[in-house]
Amino acid sequence: MKQKNILFTDMDGTILFSDNGKTYFKESDLDAIKEFQQRGNLIVINSGRALPWIVAPLEGYLLPDYMIAGTGSIIADSHQQILHEEPVSFTAIKKIINEYASDIPLTVHTKDNVFSCNQKKQYNLPTTPISSIDLLKTEKLYGMSFHFKDNKSAKAFADWLEKSDHQEVRAFVNIQDVDMACRDCSKGNAMNILCQKLGFMHEQIYAIGDAENDIDMLMATKHGYTFHHSPATVKQYAEGCVKSVSELIDKILKRTN
C-alpha cells in the first residue's frame, strides 16, 4: 500500500500572492494540490490568518482537508468544524491595547468573524468595523493582530511584549503585522496536534512556508521546505528550497510513490 502524506502550507506568499492589491493563486499550484489530494494525500492550510480570512479567498479554488488558523489557535476540518481550540482572554487583549497601542490599527477574530478597530484601510475580506474593543468582551476570541506601518515598528512591539508581564499572549511578526495568540499556540504545535490525531508519522509530514513566522512549522518536521527567495533566517531551518508549491508536491509524489 502506498504511503499517504500530509502537507502543511502557509497561505500568504506561499500559495496566495498579491499584485497591485489583487490576490491570486497559481494555476500550477492548484492543479498540483488537487492531484495530491486525489492520490489520497492531505492538504492543510497553516496560517496566521483568522479562519474567515482563510475560507473566503479559497472558495471556488481550493478545498483543504484541514485548516489551522490564528497561528495555531484553531484547528478546523474542511467544514469549519473546530477540532482543537486555544482561545485568548479578553482581559489579556484589553490590557495590551491599553498599555501599548490604544490607537494602532488592529483586527480581532472569533471563529466566524473578524472585527477591525482604528482602521482606515478597507479590506477585501469579510470584516466588521467596531468603535471599541469593549464590544467584544463577551465573545470567544482567538487572537488579535496589530497592523504597523513597517517591520521595524512591528519588531519593536514584539520585543516589548516578550519582555513584559503579558505571559498569556505570544507575538508572531509577519512583515509589518504582529499576530498574537495564546502563549501555547504556534503553527508547529498545531501541526503536531493534528498529526497525532490523524496518526501521521514523521516521514509522512511535509511543510512549506516563506517567512519567519513559518520557522516553527518548518522545525516541526524533518521535511520542511521554503523558497529560493526566502530570507536566510528561514532557509537555515528548511530541508530544501523550491520555486513553488507545485515543485514540492512533485518531489513528494516522486519520493513516496
C-alpha atoms as a PDB file:
ATOM      1  CA  MET A   1       0.000   0.000   0.000  1.00  0.00           C
ATOM      2  CA  LYS A   2       1.341   3.439  -0.955  1.00  0.00           C
ATOM      3  CA  GLN A   3       2.295   5.778   1.858  1.00  0.00           C
ATOM      4  CA  LYS A   4      -0.080   8.696   2.332  1.00  0.00           C
ATOM      5  CA  ASN A   5       1.359  12.089   3.133  1.00  0.00           C
ATOM      6  CA  ILE A   6       0.204  15.314   4.729  1.00  0.00           C
ATOM      7  CA  LEU A   7       1.403  18.726   3.522  1.00  0.00           C
ATOM      8  CA  PHE A   8       1.063  21.831   5.681  1.00  0.00           C
ATOM      9  CA  THR A   9       1.274  25.023   3.650  1.00  0.00           C
ATOM     10  CA  ASP A  10       1.377  28.644   4.694  1.00  0.00           C
ATOM     11  CA  MET A  11      -1.022  30.898   2.819  1.00  0.00           C
ATOM     12  CA  ASP A  12       0.235  34.440   2.052  1.00  0.00           C
ATOM     13  CA  GLY A  13       3.350  34.406  -0.092  1.00  0.00           C
ATOM     14  CA  THR A  14       3.254  30.621  -0.360  1.00  0.00           C
ATOM     15  CA  ILE A  15       0.069  29.682  -2.228  1.00  0.00           C
ATOM     16  CA  LEU A  16      -1.722  33.057  -2.218  1.00  0.00           C
ATOM     17  CA  PHE A  17       0.002  36.008  -3.881  1.00  0.00           C
ATOM     18  CA  SER A  18      -0.736  39.708  -4.322  1.00  0.00           C
ATOM     19  CA  ASP A  19      -0.231  42.063  -7.251  1.00  0.00           C
ATOM     20  CA  ASN A  20      -1.447  45.681  -7.216  1.00  0.00           C
ATOM     21  CA  GLY A  21      -3.846  44.915  -4.390  1.00  0.00           C
ATOM     22  CA  LYS A  22      -5.341  41.847  -6.071  1.00  0.00           C
ATOM     23  CA  THR A  23      -4.753  38.349  -4.749  1.00  0.00           C
ATOM     24  CA  TYR A  24      -4.314  35.281  -6.897  1.00  0.00           C
ATOM     25  CA  PHE A  25      -3.342  31.612  -6.895  1.00  0.00           C
ATOM     26  CA  LYS A  26      -1.018  29.985  -9.403  1.00  0.00           C
ATOM     27  CA  GLU A  27      -2.871  27.503 -11.607  1.00  0.00           C
ATOM     28  CA  SER A  28       0.104  25.143 -11.450  1.00  0.00           C
ATOM     29  CA  ASP A  29      -0.106  25.079  -7.639  1.00  0.00           C
ATOM     30  CA  LEU A  30      -3.868  24.471  -7.647  1.00  0.00           C
ATOM     31  CA  ASP A  31      -3.528  21.647 -10.175  1.00  0.00           C
ATOM     32  CA  ALA A  32      -0.737  20.035  -8.162  1.00  0.00           C
ATOM     33  CA  ILE A  33      -2.692  20.299  -4.903  1.00  0.00           C
ATOM     34  CA  LYS A  34      -5.762  18.690  -6.469  1.00  0.00           C
ATOM     35  CA  GLU A  35      -3.671  15.826  -7.855  1.00  0.00           C
ATOM     36  CA  PHE A  36      -2.023  15.409  -4.446  1.00  0.00           C
ATOM     37  CA  GLN A  37      -5.440  15.111  -2.800  1.00  0.00           C
ATOM     38  CA  GLN A  38      -6.812  12.797  -5.493  1.00  0.00           C
ATOM     39  CA  ARG A  39      -3.997  10.386  -4.692  1.00  0.00           C
ATOM     40  CA  GLY A  40      -5.204  10.192  -1.104  1.00  0.00           C
ATOM     41  CA  ASN A  41      -2.863  12.719   0.481  1.00  0.00           C
ATOM     42  CA  LEU A  42      -3.966  15.575   2.739  1.00  0.00           C
ATOM     43  CA  ILE A  43      -3.513  19.340   2.379  1.00  0.00           C
ATOM     44  CA  VAL A  44      -3.618  21.622   5.423  1.00  0.00           C
ATOM     45  CA  ILE A  45      -3.591  25.422   5.292  1.00  0.00           C
ATOM     46  CA  ASN A  46      -1.491  26.644   8.240  1.00  0.00           C
ATOM     47  CA  SER A  47      -1.807  30.415   8.559  1.00  0.00           C
ATOM     48  CA  GLY A  48      -1.714  33.350  10.915  1.00  0.00           C
ATOM     49  CA  ARG A  49      -4.967  34.483   9.297  1.00  0.00           C
ATOM     50  CA  ALA A  50      -8.293  34.271  11.086  1.00  0.00           C
ATOM     51  CA  LEU A  51     -10.466  31.369   9.935  1.00  0.00           C
ATOM     52  CA  PRO A  52     -12.911  33.561   7.928  1.00  0.00           C
ATOM     53  CA  TRP A  53      -9.929  35.115   6.121  1.00  0.00           C
ATOM     54  CA  ILE A  54      -8.681  31.667   5.141  1.00  0.00           C
ATOM     55  CA  VAL A  55     -12.047  30.397   3.942  1.00  0.00           C
ATOM     56  CA  ALA A  56     -13.086  33.425   1.841  1.00  0.00           C
ATOM     57  CA  PRO A  57     -10.231  33.516  -0.717  1.00  0.00           C
ATOM     58  CA  LEU A  58     -10.146  29.718  -1.043  1.00  0.00           C
ATOM     59  CA  GLU A  59     -13.799  29.459  -2.055  1.00  0.00           C
ATOM     60  CA  GLY A  60     -14.126  28.171  -5.589  1.00  0.00           C
ATOM     61  CA  TYR A  61     -10.398  27.460  -5.876  1.00  0.00           C
ATOM     62  CA  LEU A  62      -9.310  25.002  -3.232  1.00  0.00           C
ATOM     63  CA  LEU A  63     -10.873  22.852  -0.512  1.00  0.00           C
ATOM     64  CA  PRO A  64      -8.207  21.922   2.040  1.00  0.00           C
ATOM     65  CA  ASP A  65      -8.686  18.849   4.191  1.00  0.00           C
ATOM     66  CA  TYR A  66      -7.945  20.870   7.333  1.00  0.00           C
ATOM     67  CA  MET A  67      -7.208  24.466   8.282  1.00  0.00           C
ATOM     68  CA  ILE A  68      -5.036  25.835  11.074  1.00  0.00           C
ATOM     69  CA  ALA A  69      -5.978  29.452  11.749  1.00  0.00           C
ATOM     70  CA  GLY A  70      -4.744  32.218  14.002  1.00  0.00           C
ATOM     71  CA  THR A  71      -1.207  30.800  14.299  1.00  0.00           C
ATOM     72  CA  GLY A  72      -2.473  27.582  15.822  1.00  0.00           C
ATOM     73  CA  SER A  73      -5.386  28.910  17.872  1.00  0.00           C
ATOM     74  CA  ILE A  74      -7.938  26.963  15.799  1.00  0.00           C
ATOM     75  CA  ILE A  75      -7.719  23.610  14.026  1.00  0.00           C
ATOM     76  CA  ALA A  76     -10.771  23.035  11.822  1.00  0.00           C
ATOM     77  CA  ASP A  77     -11.848  20.493   9.239  1.00  0.00           C
ATOM     78  CA  SER A  78     -12.959  21.271   5.691  1.00  0.00           C
ATOM     79  CA  HIS A  79     -16.466  22.055   7.000  1.00  0.00           C
ATOM     80  CA  GLN A  80     -15.064  24.598   9.510  1.00  0.00           C
ATOM     81  CA  GLN A  81     -15.887  22.352  12.455  1.00  0.00           C
ATOM     82  CA  ILE A  82     -13.404  23.002  15.259  1.00  0.00           C
ATOM     83  CA  LEU A  83     -11.253  20.029  16.266  1.00  0.00           C
ATOM     84  CA  HIS A  84      -8.997  21.936  18.667  1.00  0.00           C
ATOM     85  CA  GLU A  85      -9.013  25.471  20.040  1.00  0.00           C
ATOM     86  CA  GLU A  86      -6.884  27.769  22.199  1.00  0.00           C
ATOM     87  CA  PRO A  87      -8.843  30.972  22.887  1.00  0.00           C
ATOM     88  CA  VAL A  88      -7.224  34.017  24.459  1.00  0.00           C
ATOM     89  CA  SER A  89      -8.916  36.047  27.174  1.00  0.00           C
ATOM     90  CA  PHE A  90     -10.478  39.430  26.511  1.00  0.00           C
ATOM     91  CA  THR A  91      -8.726  40.735  29.625  1.00  0.00           C
ATOM     92  CA  ALA A  92      -5.287  39.911  28.198  1.00  0.00           C
ATOM     93  CA  ILE A  93      -6.059  41.579  24.871  1.00  0.00           C
ATOM     94  CA  LYS A  94      -7.550  44.666  26.508  1.00  0.00           C
ATOM     95  CA  LYS A  95      -4.535  45.081  28.783  1.00  0.00           C
ATOM     96  CA  ILE A  96      -2.084  45.018  25.863  1.00  0.00           C
ATOM     97  CA  ILE A  97      -4.118  47.597  23.949  1.00  0.00           C
ATOM     98  CA  ASN A  98      -4.317  49.908  26.961  1.00  0.00           C
ATOM     99  CA  GLU A  99      -0.600  49.679  27.759  1.00  0.00           C
ATOM    100  CA  TYR A 100       0.926  49.902  24.303  1.00  0.00           C
ATOM    101  CA  ALA A 101      -1.330  50.578  21.398  1.00  0.00           C
ATOM    102  CA  SER A 102      -4.661  52.239  22.023  1.00  0.00           C
ATOM    103  CA  ASP A 103      -4.639  53.944  18.606  1.00  0.00           C
ATOM    104  CA  ILE A 104      -2.841  51.396  16.389  1.00  0.00           C
ATOM    105  CA  PRO A 105      -4.981  49.720  13.696  1.00  0.00           C
ATOM    106  CA  LEU A 106      -5.935  46.237  14.807  1.00  0.00           C
ATOM    107  CA  THR A 107      -8.102  43.263  13.997  1.00  0.00           C
ATOM    108  CA  VAL A 108      -9.536  40.735  16.445  1.00  0.00           C
ATOM    109  CA  HIS A 109     -11.076  37.447  15.418  1.00  0.00           C
ATOM    110  CA  THR A 110     -13.632  34.929  16.597  1.00  0.00           C
ATOM    111  CA  LYS A 111     -14.413  31.660  14.806  1.00  0.00           C
ATOM    112  CA  ASP A 112     -16.844  33.277  12.379  1.00  0.00           C
ATOM    113  CA  ASN A 113     -15.930  36.972  12.308  1.00  0.00           C
ATOM    114  CA  VAL A 114     -13.050  39.414  12.032  1.00  0.00           C
ATOM    115  CA  PHE A 115     -13.509  42.787  13.735  1.00  0.00           C
ATOM    116  CA  SER A 116     -11.419  45.877  12.937  1.00  0.00           C
ATOM    117  CA  CYS A 117     -10.719  48.898  15.108  1.00  0.00           C
ATOM    118  CA  ASN A 118      -8.824  52.168  14.451  1.00  0.00           C
ATOM    119  CA  GLN A 119      -8.788  51.239  10.777  1.00  0.00           C
ATOM    120  CA  LYS A 120      -8.888  53.484   7.723  1.00  0.00           C
ATOM    121  CA  LYS A 121      -7.948  50.609   5.445  1.00  0.00           C
ATOM    122  CA  GLN A 122     -10.753  48.855   3.591  1.00  0.00           C
ATOM    123  CA  TYR A 123     -10.339  45.087   3.471  1.00  0.00           C
ATOM    124  CA  ASN A 124     -11.404  42.911   0.560  1.00  0.00           C
ATOM    125  CA  LEU A 125     -12.259  40.248   3.119  1.00  0.00           C
ATOM    126  CA  PRO A 126     -15.238  39.824   5.481  1.00  0.00           C
ATOM    127  CA  THR A 127     -14.611  42.395   8.224  1.00  0.00           C
ATOM    128  CA  THR A 128     -16.848  44.154  10.752  1.00  0.00           C
ATOM    129  CA  PRO A 129     -15.661  47.611  11.911  1.00  0.00           C
ATOM    130  CA  ILE A 130     -16.208  48.358  15.605  1.00  0.00           C
ATOM    131  CA  SER A 131     -15.765  51.551  17.597  1.00  0.00           C
ATOM    132  CA  SER A 132     -14.280  49.892  20.673  1.00  0.00           C
ATOM    133  CA  ILE A 133     -12.741  46.576  21.647  1.00  0.00           C
ATOM    134  CA  ASP A 134     -15.062  46.608  24.657  1.00  0.00           C
ATOM    135  CA  LEU A 135     -17.884  45.474  22.376  1.00  0.00           C
ATOM    136  CA  LEU A 136     -16.209  42.047  22.231  1.00  0.00           C
ATOM    137  CA  LYS A 137     -15.867  41.339  25.950  1.00  0.00           C
ATOM    138  CA  THR A 138     -18.458  38.522  25.820  1.00  0.00           C
ATOM    139  CA  GLU A 139     -17.070  36.911  22.632  1.00  0.00           C
ATOM    140  CA  LYS A 140     -14.723  33.916  22.476  1.00  0.00           C
ATOM    141  CA  LEU A 141     -11.582  35.435  20.970  1.00  0.00           C
ATOM    142  CA  TYR A 142      -8.814  33.508  19.242  1.00  0.00           C
ATOM    143  CA  GLY A 143      -6.326  36.247  18.518  1.00  0.00           C
ATOM    144  CA  MET A 144      -5.517  39.801  17.619  1.00  0.00           C
ATOM    145  CA  SER A 145      -3.269  41.458  15.047  1.00  0.00           C
ATOM    146  CA  PHE A 146      -1.666  44.886  15.174  1.00  0.00           C
ATOM    147  CA  HIS A 147      -1.018  46.447  11.772  1.00  0.00           C
ATOM    148  CA  PHE A 148       2.053  48.681  11.954  1.00  0.00           C
ATOM    149  CA  LYS A 149       3.491  50.954   9.264  1.00  0.00           C
ATOM    150  CA  ASP A 150       6.712  48.952   8.890  1.00  0.00           C
ATOM    151  CA  ASN A 151       8.679  45.904  10.031  1.00  0.00           C
ATOM    152  CA  LYS A 152      10.811  47.927  12.470  1.00  0.00           C
ATOM    153  CA  SER A 153       7.724  49.074  14.392  1.00  0.00           C
ATOM    154  CA  ALA A 154       6.304  45.546  14.378  1.00  0.00           C
ATOM    155  CA  LYS A 155       9.514  44.067  15.798  1.00  0.00           C
ATOM    156  CA  ALA A 156       9.718  46.796  18.449  1.00  0.00           C
ATOM    157  CA  PHE A 157       6.258  45.866  19.703  1.00  0.00           C
ATOM    158  CA  ALA A 158       7.017  42.134  19.648  1.00  0.00           C
ATOM    159  CA  ASP A 159      10.186  42.750  21.690  1.00  0.00           C
ATOM    160  CA  TRP A 160       8.220  44.832  24.194  1.00  0.00           C
ATOM    161  CA  LEU A 161       5.574  42.126  24.550  1.00  0.00           C
ATOM    162  CA  GLU A 162       8.166  39.389  25.078  1.00  0.00           C
ATOM    163  CA  LYS A 163       9.832  41.379  27.877  1.00  0.00           C
ATOM    164  CA  SER A 164       6.538  42.423  29.501  1.00  0.00           C
ATOM    165  CA  ASP A 165       4.459  40.580  32.065  1.00  0.00           C
ATOM    166  CA  HIS A 166       1.861  39.580  29.456  1.00  0.00           C
ATOM    167  CA  GLN A 167       2.516  35.867  29.790  1.00  0.00           C
ATOM    168  CA  GLU A 168      -0.804  34.710  28.321  1.00  0.00           C
ATOM    169  CA  VAL A 169      -0.107  36.046  24.824  1.00  0.00           C
ATOM    170  CA  ARG A 170       2.626  35.299  22.280  1.00  0.00           C
ATOM    171  CA  ALA A 171       3.571  37.505  19.305  1.00  0.00           C
ATOM    172  CA  PHE A 172       4.472  36.438  15.768  1.00  0.00           C
ATOM    173  CA  VAL A 173       5.933  39.089  13.445  1.00  0.00           C
ATOM    174  CA  ASN A 174       4.733  38.895   9.840  1.00  0.00           C
ATOM    175  CA  ILE A 175       6.461  41.753   7.968  1.00  0.00           C
ATOM    176  CA  GLN A 176       4.623  44.888   9.250  1.00  0.00           C
ATOM    177  CA  ASP A 177       1.922  42.974  11.121  1.00  0.00           C
ATOM    178  CA  VAL A 178       2.098  41.268  14.502  1.00  0.00           C
ATOM    179  CA  ASP A 179      -0.244  38.332  15.058  1.00  0.00           C
ATOM    180  CA  MET A 180      -0.977  37.449  18.670  1.00  0.00           C
ATOM    181  CA  ALA A 181      -2.350  34.213  20.049  1.00  0.00           C
ATOM    182  CA  CYS A 182      -2.430  32.223  23.266  1.00  0.00           C
ATOM    183  CA  ARG A 183       1.083  31.574  24.642  1.00  0.00           C
ATOM    184  CA  ASP A 184       0.861  27.829  23.902  1.00  0.00           C
ATOM    185  CA  CYS A 185      -0.069  28.406  20.257  1.00  0.00           C
ATOM    186  CA  SER A 186       2.187  28.137  17.248  1.00  0.00           C
ATOM    187  CA  LYS A 187       1.956  26.751  13.736  1.00  0.00           C
ATOM    188  CA  GLY A 188       4.315  23.946  14.757  1.00  0.00           C
ATOM    189  CA  ASN A 189       2.374  22.959  17.880  1.00  0.00           C
ATOM    190  CA  ALA A 190      -0.861  22.821  15.905  1.00  0.00           C
ATOM    191  CA  MET A 191       0.841  20.650  13.268  1.00  0.00           C
ATOM    192  CA  ASN A 192       1.894  18.175  15.935  1.00  0.00           C
ATOM    193  CA  ILE A 193      -1.576  18.087  17.491  1.00  0.00           C
ATOM    194  CA  LEU A 194      -3.289  17.395  14.157  1.00  0.00           C
ATOM    195  CA  CYS A 195      -0.751  14.774  13.056  1.00  0.00           C
ATOM    196  CA  GLN A 196      -1.188  12.935  16.348  1.00  0.00           C
ATOM    197  CA  LYS A 197      -4.971  12.988  15.931  1.00  0.00           C
ATOM    198  CA  LEU A 198      -4.691  11.632  12.382  1.00  0.00           C
ATOM    199  CA  GLY A 199      -1.908   9.142  13.061  1.00  0.00           C
ATOM    200  CA  PHE A 200       0.731  10.520  10.682  1.00  0.00           C
ATOM    201  CA  MET A 201       4.362   9.577  11.330  1.00  0.00           C
ATOM    202  CA  HIS A 202       7.368  11.873  10.824  1.00  0.00           C
ATOM    203  CA  GLU A 203       8.309  10.577   7.367  1.00  0.00           C
ATOM    204  CA  GLN A 204       4.806  11.392   6.085  1.00  0.00           C
ATOM    205  CA  ILE A 205       4.753  15.029   7.226  1.00  0.00           C
ATOM    206  CA  TYR A 206       5.791  17.937   4.988  1.00  0.00           C
ATOM    207  CA  ALA A 207       5.570  21.712   5.429  1.00  0.00           C
ATOM    208  CA  ILE A 208       6.261  24.794   3.334  1.00  0.00           C
ATOM    209  CA  GLY A 209       6.341  28.490   4.193  1.00  0.00           C
ATOM    210  CA  ASP A 210       8.090  31.644   3.055  1.00  0.00           C
ATOM    211  CA  ALA A 211       8.598  33.849   6.118  1.00  0.00           C
ATOM    212  CA  GLU A 212       9.976  33.983   9.643  1.00  0.00           C
ATOM    213  CA  ASN A 213       6.590  33.244  11.179  1.00  0.00           C
ATOM    214  CA  ASP A 214       6.783  29.846   9.429  1.00  0.00           C
ATOM    215  CA  ILE A 215      10.011  28.778  11.127  1.00  0.00           C
ATOM    216  CA  ASP A 216       8.438  26.741  13.919  1.00  0.00           C
ATOM    217  CA  MET A 217       6.289  24.980  11.297  1.00  0.00           C
ATOM    218  CA  LEU A 218       9.434  24.028   9.373  1.00  0.00           C
ATOM    219  CA  MET A 219      11.106  22.903  12.601  1.00  0.00           C
ATOM    220  CA  ALA A 220       8.161  20.633  13.445  1.00  0.00           C
ATOM    221  CA  THR A 221       9.056  18.216  10.637  1.00  0.00           C
ATOM    222  CA  LYS A 222      12.256  16.930   9.044  1.00  0.00           C
ATOM    223  CA  HIS A 223      10.639  17.708   5.680  1.00  0.00           C
ATOM    224  CA  GLY A 224      10.305  21.493   5.964  1.00  0.00           C
ATOM    225  CA  TYR A 225      10.655  23.497   2.742  1.00  0.00           C
ATOM    226  CA  THR A 226      10.885  27.137   1.756  1.00  0.00           C
ATOM    227  CA  PHE A 227      11.621  29.118  -1.408  1.00  0.00           C
ATOM    228  CA  HIS A 228      14.860  30.150  -3.086  1.00  0.00           C
ATOM    229  CA  HIS A 229      13.938  33.808  -2.475  1.00  0.00           C
ATOM    230  CA  SER A 230      13.100  33.358   1.223  1.00  0.00           C
ATOM    231  CA  PRO A 231      15.266  35.032   3.887  1.00  0.00           C
ATOM    232  CA  ALA A 232      18.378  33.174   5.034  1.00  0.00           C
ATOM    233  CA  THR A 233      16.877  33.107   8.528  1.00  0.00           C
ATOM    234  CA  VAL A 234      14.131  30.853   7.155  1.00  0.00           C
ATOM    235  CA  LYS A 235      16.279  28.767   4.810  1.00  0.00           C
ATOM    236  CA  GLN A 236      18.510  27.576   7.643  1.00  0.00           C
ATOM    237  CA  TYR A 237      15.584  25.615   9.103  1.00  0.00           C
ATOM    238  CA  ALA A 238      14.491  24.020   5.820  1.00  0.00           C
ATOM    239  CA  GLU A 239      15.374  20.631   4.379  1.00  0.00           C
ATOM    240  CA  GLY A 240      15.427  22.250   0.960  1.00  0.00           C
ATOM    241  CA  CYS A 241      14.289  25.099  -1.268  1.00  0.00           C
ATOM    242  CA  VAL A 242      11.848  25.028  -4.183  1.00  0.00           C
ATOM    243  CA  LYS A 243      10.472  27.577  -6.606  1.00  0.00           C
ATOM    244  CA  SER A 244       6.801  26.735  -5.916  1.00  0.00           C
ATOM    245  CA  VAL A 245       4.366  24.541  -4.020  1.00  0.00           C
ATOM    246  CA  SER A 246       3.807  22.563  -7.215  1.00  0.00           C
ATOM    247  CA  GLU A 247       7.519  21.704  -7.365  1.00  0.00           C
ATOM    248  CA  LEU A 248       7.444  20.461  -3.766  1.00  0.00           C
ATOM    249  CA  ILE A 249       4.382  18.311  -4.436  1.00  0.00           C
ATOM    250  CA  ASP A 250       6.127  16.807  -7.449  1.00  0.00           C
ATOM    251  CA  LYS A 251       9.092  15.934  -5.203  1.00  0.00           C
ATOM    252  CA  ILE A 252       6.823  14.345  -2.593  1.00  0.00           C
ATOM    253  CA  LEU A 253       4.943  12.222  -5.120  1.00  0.00           C
ATOM    254  CA  LYS A 254       8.160  11.009  -6.743  1.00  0.00           C
ATOM    255  CA  ARG A 255       9.687  10.236  -3.348  1.00  0.00           C
ATOM    256  CA  THR A 256       6.740   8.315  -1.927  1.00  0.00           C
ATOM    257  CA  ASN A 257       5.124   6.593  -4.929  1.00  0.00           C
END
